[in-house]
N, C-alpha and C. Protein backbone atom coordinates (compact mmCIF):
# COMPACT_ATOMS: atom_id res chain seq x y z
N MET A 1 -16.43 11.97 -20.66
CA MET A 1 -16.44 9.98 -20.02
C MET A 1 -15.58 9.92 -18.52
N GLU A 2 -15.83 9.29 -18.09
CA GLU A 2 -15.51 8.70 -16.62
C GLU A 2 -14.00 8.30 -16.62
N LYS A 3 -13.13 9.01 -15.92
CA LYS A 3 -12.06 8.43 -16.22
C LYS A 3 -11.63 6.93 -14.67
N ASP A 4 -10.95 6.27 -15.54
CA ASP A 4 -10.50 4.63 -14.45
C ASP A 4 -9.72 4.60 -13.79
N MET A 5 -9.62 4.47 -12.83
CA MET A 5 -9.17 4.71 -11.56
C MET A 5 -8.57 3.42 -11.32
N ILE A 6 -7.02 3.77 -10.57
CA ILE A 6 -6.38 2.95 -10.78
C ILE A 6 -5.96 2.57 -9.21
N LEU A 7 -5.40 1.91 -8.68
CA LEU A 7 -5.10 1.86 -7.00
C LEU A 7 -3.21 1.95 -7.03
N ILE A 8 -2.84 3.04 -6.67
CA ILE A 8 -0.88 2.64 -7.04
C ILE A 8 -0.67 3.33 -5.14
N SER A 9 0.36 2.31 -4.88
CA SER A 9 1.04 2.13 -3.48
C SER A 9 1.48 3.46 -3.16
N SER A 10 1.28 3.75 -2.58
CA SER A 10 1.70 5.43 -1.60
C SER A 10 3.45 5.55 -1.74
N CYS A 11 4.01 4.36 -1.42
CA CYS A 11 5.22 4.80 -1.67
C CYS A 11 6.04 4.79 -3.11
N LEU A 12 5.11 4.60 -4.53
CA LEU A 12 5.18 4.73 -5.34
C LEU A 12 5.48 5.73 -5.88
N LEU A 13 4.63 6.94 -5.05
CA LEU A 13 4.74 8.37 -5.53
C LEU A 13 5.62 9.51 -4.84
N GLY A 14 6.53 8.46 -3.76
CA GLY A 14 7.13 9.42 -3.16
C GLY A 14 7.05 9.52 -1.84
N VAL A 15 6.02 9.10 -0.99
CA VAL A 15 5.62 9.27 -0.03
C VAL A 15 6.32 8.15 1.60
N ARG A 16 6.53 9.06 2.43
CA ARG A 16 7.17 8.11 3.30
C ARG A 16 6.25 7.26 4.24
N CYS A 17 6.45 6.63 3.27
CA CYS A 17 5.43 5.12 4.52
C CYS A 17 5.99 3.22 4.00
N ARG A 18 7.40 3.51 3.02
CA ARG A 18 8.22 2.68 3.47
C ARG A 18 8.62 1.96 4.94
N TYR A 19 9.04 0.54 4.62
CA TYR A 19 9.16 -0.14 5.86
C TYR A 19 10.64 1.04 6.67
N ASP A 20 11.27 1.17 6.19
CA ASP A 20 12.88 1.87 6.17
C ASP A 20 12.80 3.38 6.39
N ALA A 21 11.25 4.35 5.83
CA ALA A 21 11.19 5.48 6.10
C ALA A 21 11.30 5.45 5.09
N LYS A 22 12.33 5.69 4.11
CA LYS A 22 13.16 5.59 3.00
C LYS A 22 11.94 6.61 1.83
N ILE A 23 12.77 7.63 1.54
CA ILE A 23 11.69 8.33 0.16
C ILE A 23 12.24 7.55 -1.19
N VAL A 24 11.68 7.06 -2.17
CA VAL A 24 12.21 6.49 -3.42
C VAL A 24 11.64 7.62 -4.30
N GLU A 25 12.36 7.61 -5.58
CA GLU A 25 11.76 8.48 -5.97
C GLU A 25 10.41 8.35 -7.17
N PRO A 26 10.23 9.13 -6.95
CA PRO A 26 8.31 8.17 -7.64
C PRO A 26 8.53 8.11 -8.88
N ASN A 27 7.78 6.90 -9.14
CA ASN A 27 7.86 5.61 -10.65
C ASN A 27 6.91 6.70 -11.32
N PRO A 28 7.74 6.96 -12.78
CA PRO A 28 7.17 8.49 -13.27
C PRO A 28 5.59 7.69 -14.41
N GLU A 29 5.06 6.92 -14.30
CA GLU A 29 4.22 6.11 -14.49
C GLU A 29 2.87 6.17 -13.87
N ALA A 30 3.40 5.64 -12.63
CA ALA A 30 2.50 6.45 -11.28
C ALA A 30 2.11 7.44 -11.01
N LEU A 31 3.80 8.37 -11.52
CA LEU A 31 3.33 10.33 -10.92
C LEU A 31 2.10 10.50 -12.32
N ARG A 32 2.24 9.65 -13.55
CA ARG A 32 1.52 10.34 -14.72
C ARG A 32 -0.08 10.00 -14.59
N LEU A 33 -0.22 8.90 -13.94
CA LEU A 33 -1.39 8.66 -13.10
C LEU A 33 -2.25 9.62 -12.20
N PHE A 34 -1.56 9.64 -11.52
CA PHE A 34 -1.61 10.79 -10.44
C PHE A 34 -2.22 12.01 -10.63
N GLU A 35 -1.44 12.45 -11.52
CA GLU A 35 -0.95 13.50 -11.77
C GLU A 35 -1.87 14.09 -12.75
N GLN A 36 -3.10 12.44 -13.99
CA GLN A 36 -4.09 12.89 -14.82
C GLN A 36 -5.01 12.47 -14.06
N GLY A 37 -5.27 12.62 -12.39
CA GLY A 37 -6.29 12.29 -11.74
C GLY A 37 -6.94 11.17 -11.64
N CYS A 38 -5.92 10.23 -12.33
CA CYS A 38 -6.54 8.34 -12.15
C CYS A 38 -5.88 7.82 -11.14
N ALA A 39 -5.39 8.13 -9.86
CA ALA A 39 -4.96 7.12 -9.01
C ALA A 39 -5.56 7.11 -7.53
N LEU A 40 -6.41 6.30 -7.16
CA LEU A 40 -6.41 6.30 -5.74
C LEU A 40 -5.00 5.58 -5.50
N VAL A 41 -4.75 6.69 -4.05
CA VAL A 41 -3.03 6.02 -3.88
C VAL A 41 -3.56 5.74 -2.36
N LEU A 42 -2.54 5.05 -1.45
CA LEU A 42 -2.99 4.04 0.02
C LEU A 42 -2.42 3.37 -0.25
N CYS A 43 -1.96 3.19 1.36
CA CYS A 43 -0.84 2.52 2.03
C CYS A 43 -1.37 1.78 3.09
N PRO A 44 -1.15 0.23 2.18
CA PRO A 44 -2.37 -0.37 3.13
C PRO A 44 -1.32 -0.99 4.27
N GLU A 45 0.25 -1.11 4.46
CA GLU A 45 0.48 -1.35 5.33
C GLU A 45 0.04 -0.24 6.83
N MET A 46 0.29 0.66 6.37
CA MET A 46 -0.15 2.09 8.09
C MET A 46 -1.78 2.09 7.76
N LEU A 47 -2.87 1.66 6.42
CA LEU A 47 -3.93 1.80 7.01
C LEU A 47 -4.18 0.48 8.09
N GLY A 48 -3.31 -0.63 7.92
CA GLY A 48 -3.38 -1.55 9.03
C GLY A 48 -3.13 -1.46 10.46
N GLY A 49 -1.94 0.10 10.80
CA GLY A 49 -2.01 0.23 11.68
C GLY A 49 -0.68 -0.19 12.24
N LEU A 50 0.44 -0.36 11.25
CA LEU A 50 2.06 -0.44 11.09
C LEU A 50 3.05 1.14 10.91
N PRO A 51 3.34 1.29 12.19
CA PRO A 51 4.79 2.38 12.28
C PRO A 51 5.17 2.34 10.95
N CYS A 52 5.72 3.52 10.79
CA CYS A 52 7.12 3.78 10.10
C CYS A 52 7.92 4.79 10.36
N PRO A 53 9.13 4.36 10.58
CA PRO A 53 9.75 3.11 9.99
C PRO A 53 9.10 1.59 10.80
N ARG A 54 9.22 0.39 10.36
CA ARG A 54 8.79 -0.73 10.90
C ARG A 54 10.05 -1.78 10.30
N GLN A 55 10.23 -2.83 10.94
CA GLN A 55 10.58 -3.88 10.48
C GLN A 55 10.19 -4.53 9.22
N PRO A 56 11.41 -5.18 8.29
CA PRO A 56 10.97 -5.98 7.32
C PRO A 56 9.77 -7.08 7.97
N ALA A 57 9.23 -6.84 6.69
CA ALA A 57 8.23 -8.14 6.78
C ALA A 57 8.47 -9.24 6.05
N GLU A 58 7.94 -10.86 5.78
CA GLU A 58 8.19 -11.60 4.70
C GLU A 58 6.50 -12.56 5.22
N ILE A 59 5.97 -13.46 4.01
CA ILE A 59 4.94 -13.95 4.29
C ILE A 59 5.71 -15.39 4.24
N GLN A 60 5.47 -16.33 5.21
CA GLN A 60 5.98 -17.49 5.33
C GLN A 60 5.29 -18.17 4.80
N PRO A 61 5.47 -19.42 5.08
CA PRO A 61 5.09 -20.90 3.72
C PRO A 61 3.48 -21.37 4.79
N ASP A 62 3.11 -20.60 5.30
CA ASP A 62 1.77 -21.40 6.38
C ASP A 62 1.05 -19.83 5.87
N GLY A 63 1.58 -19.11 5.50
CA GLY A 63 0.37 -17.58 4.66
C GLY A 63 0.51 -16.57 6.38
N ARG A 64 0.89 -16.72 7.44
CA ARG A 64 1.24 -15.82 8.56
C ARG A 64 2.62 -14.51 7.81
N ILE A 65 2.25 -13.28 8.04
CA ILE A 65 3.74 -12.30 7.85
C ILE A 65 4.04 -11.91 9.11
N VAL A 66 5.33 -12.42 9.04
CA VAL A 66 6.73 -12.29 10.58
C VAL A 66 7.63 -11.38 10.10
N THR A 67 7.39 -10.25 11.26
CA THR A 67 8.90 -9.33 11.17
C THR A 67 9.91 -10.41 10.97
N GLU A 68 11.02 -9.55 10.68
CA GLU A 68 12.90 -10.07 11.33
C GLU A 68 12.89 -10.38 12.51
N GLY A 69 12.39 -9.68 13.03
CA GLY A 69 12.64 -10.02 14.60
C GLY A 69 11.06 -10.77 15.48
N GLY A 70 10.46 -11.84 14.77
CA GLY A 70 9.59 -12.57 14.77
C GLY A 70 8.24 -12.45 15.13
N GLU A 71 8.35 -10.87 15.03
CA GLU A 71 7.02 -10.28 15.16
C GLU A 71 5.47 -10.61 14.54
N ASP A 72 4.82 -11.35 14.72
CA ASP A 72 3.73 -11.96 14.01
C ASP A 72 2.50 -10.80 12.84
N VAL A 73 2.29 -10.10 12.22
CA VAL A 73 1.78 -8.51 11.71
C VAL A 73 0.51 -8.91 10.80
N THR A 74 0.30 -10.05 11.34
CA THR A 74 -0.79 -10.66 9.84
C THR A 74 -1.74 -9.84 9.55
N GLU A 75 -2.53 -9.91 11.28
CA GLU A 75 -3.58 -9.55 11.12
C GLU A 75 -3.73 -7.82 10.84
N ALA A 76 -2.55 -7.56 10.74
CA ALA A 76 -1.94 -5.34 10.91
C ALA A 76 -2.36 -6.26 9.30
N PHE A 77 -1.73 -6.55 8.68
CA PHE A 77 -1.67 -6.71 6.76
C PHE A 77 -3.12 -7.10 6.40
N ARG A 78 -3.92 -7.85 6.96
CA ARG A 78 -5.31 -8.31 6.61
C ARG A 78 -6.46 -7.01 6.54
N VAL A 79 -5.82 -6.08 8.03
CA VAL A 79 -6.97 -4.59 8.56
C VAL A 79 -6.59 -3.99 7.95
N GLY A 80 -5.38 -3.59 6.64
CA GLY A 80 -4.52 -3.09 5.88
C GLY A 80 -5.57 -3.16 4.45
N ALA A 81 -5.44 -4.36 4.11
CA ALA A 81 -6.29 -5.35 3.11
C ALA A 81 -7.18 -4.84 2.48
N GLY A 82 -7.85 -4.67 3.91
CA GLY A 82 -9.54 -4.83 3.82
C GLY A 82 -9.66 -3.33 3.63
N LYS A 83 -8.95 -2.95 4.07
CA LYS A 83 -9.33 -1.12 3.71
C LYS A 83 -9.20 -0.69 2.33
N VAL A 84 -8.08 -1.09 1.98
CA VAL A 84 -7.91 -1.05 0.62
C VAL A 84 -8.53 -1.65 -0.59
N LEU A 85 -9.55 -3.02 0.22
CA LEU A 85 -10.49 -3.19 -0.80
C LEU A 85 -11.39 -2.80 -0.71
N ALA A 86 -12.01 -2.34 0.37
CA ALA A 86 -13.53 -1.49 0.52
C ALA A 86 -13.06 -0.13 -0.08
N ALA A 87 -12.20 0.93 -0.22
CA ALA A 87 -11.69 1.90 -0.70
C ALA A 87 -12.25 1.49 -2.16
N CYS A 88 -11.49 0.69 -2.64
CA CYS A 88 -11.31 0.31 -4.27
C CYS A 88 -12.76 -0.07 -4.74
N ARG A 89 -13.43 -0.74 -4.02
CA ARG A 89 -15.19 -1.36 -4.43
C ARG A 89 -16.08 -0.57 -4.20
N ALA A 90 -15.86 0.68 -3.54
CA ALA A 90 -16.42 2.34 -3.25
C ALA A 90 -16.48 2.63 -4.53
N LEU A 91 -14.94 3.32 -4.84
CA LEU A 91 -14.88 3.78 -6.17
C LEU A 91 -14.47 3.53 -7.47
N GLY A 92 -14.59 1.82 -7.21
CA GLY A 92 -15.43 1.11 -8.51
C GLY A 92 -13.93 1.07 -9.43
N VAL A 93 -12.30 1.02 -8.25
CA VAL A 93 -11.44 0.81 -8.68
C VAL A 93 -10.88 -0.68 -9.29
N LYS A 94 -10.96 -0.86 -10.01
CA LYS A 94 -10.72 -2.33 -11.00
C LYS A 94 -9.04 -2.54 -10.71
N ARG A 95 -7.98 -2.08 -11.61
CA ARG A 95 -6.35 -2.21 -11.54
C ARG A 95 -6.01 -1.71 -10.22
N ALA A 96 -5.02 -2.25 -10.16
CA ALA A 96 -3.54 -1.97 -9.26
C ALA A 96 -2.04 -1.56 -9.87
């Protein structure tokens, strides 16, 4: 029987891709799924072209995503999300 794939953010496995470039301890459940070959591991922000490190960003009431310094990074987030969605559809990933 084919395994169901689950999307996992790269930072949850200790990949240096967080906004602050810190490596966090891998999430045990995420690591287990990865080791079982059940995980698609991606970083939407970096797929959207954002660097590491980068300024923290927050979703605004109007839907835009803006860094602490005032830069609108909405398009980078949209691009990254679109690439992740395309990969999930291509591989049949239905859970994240």
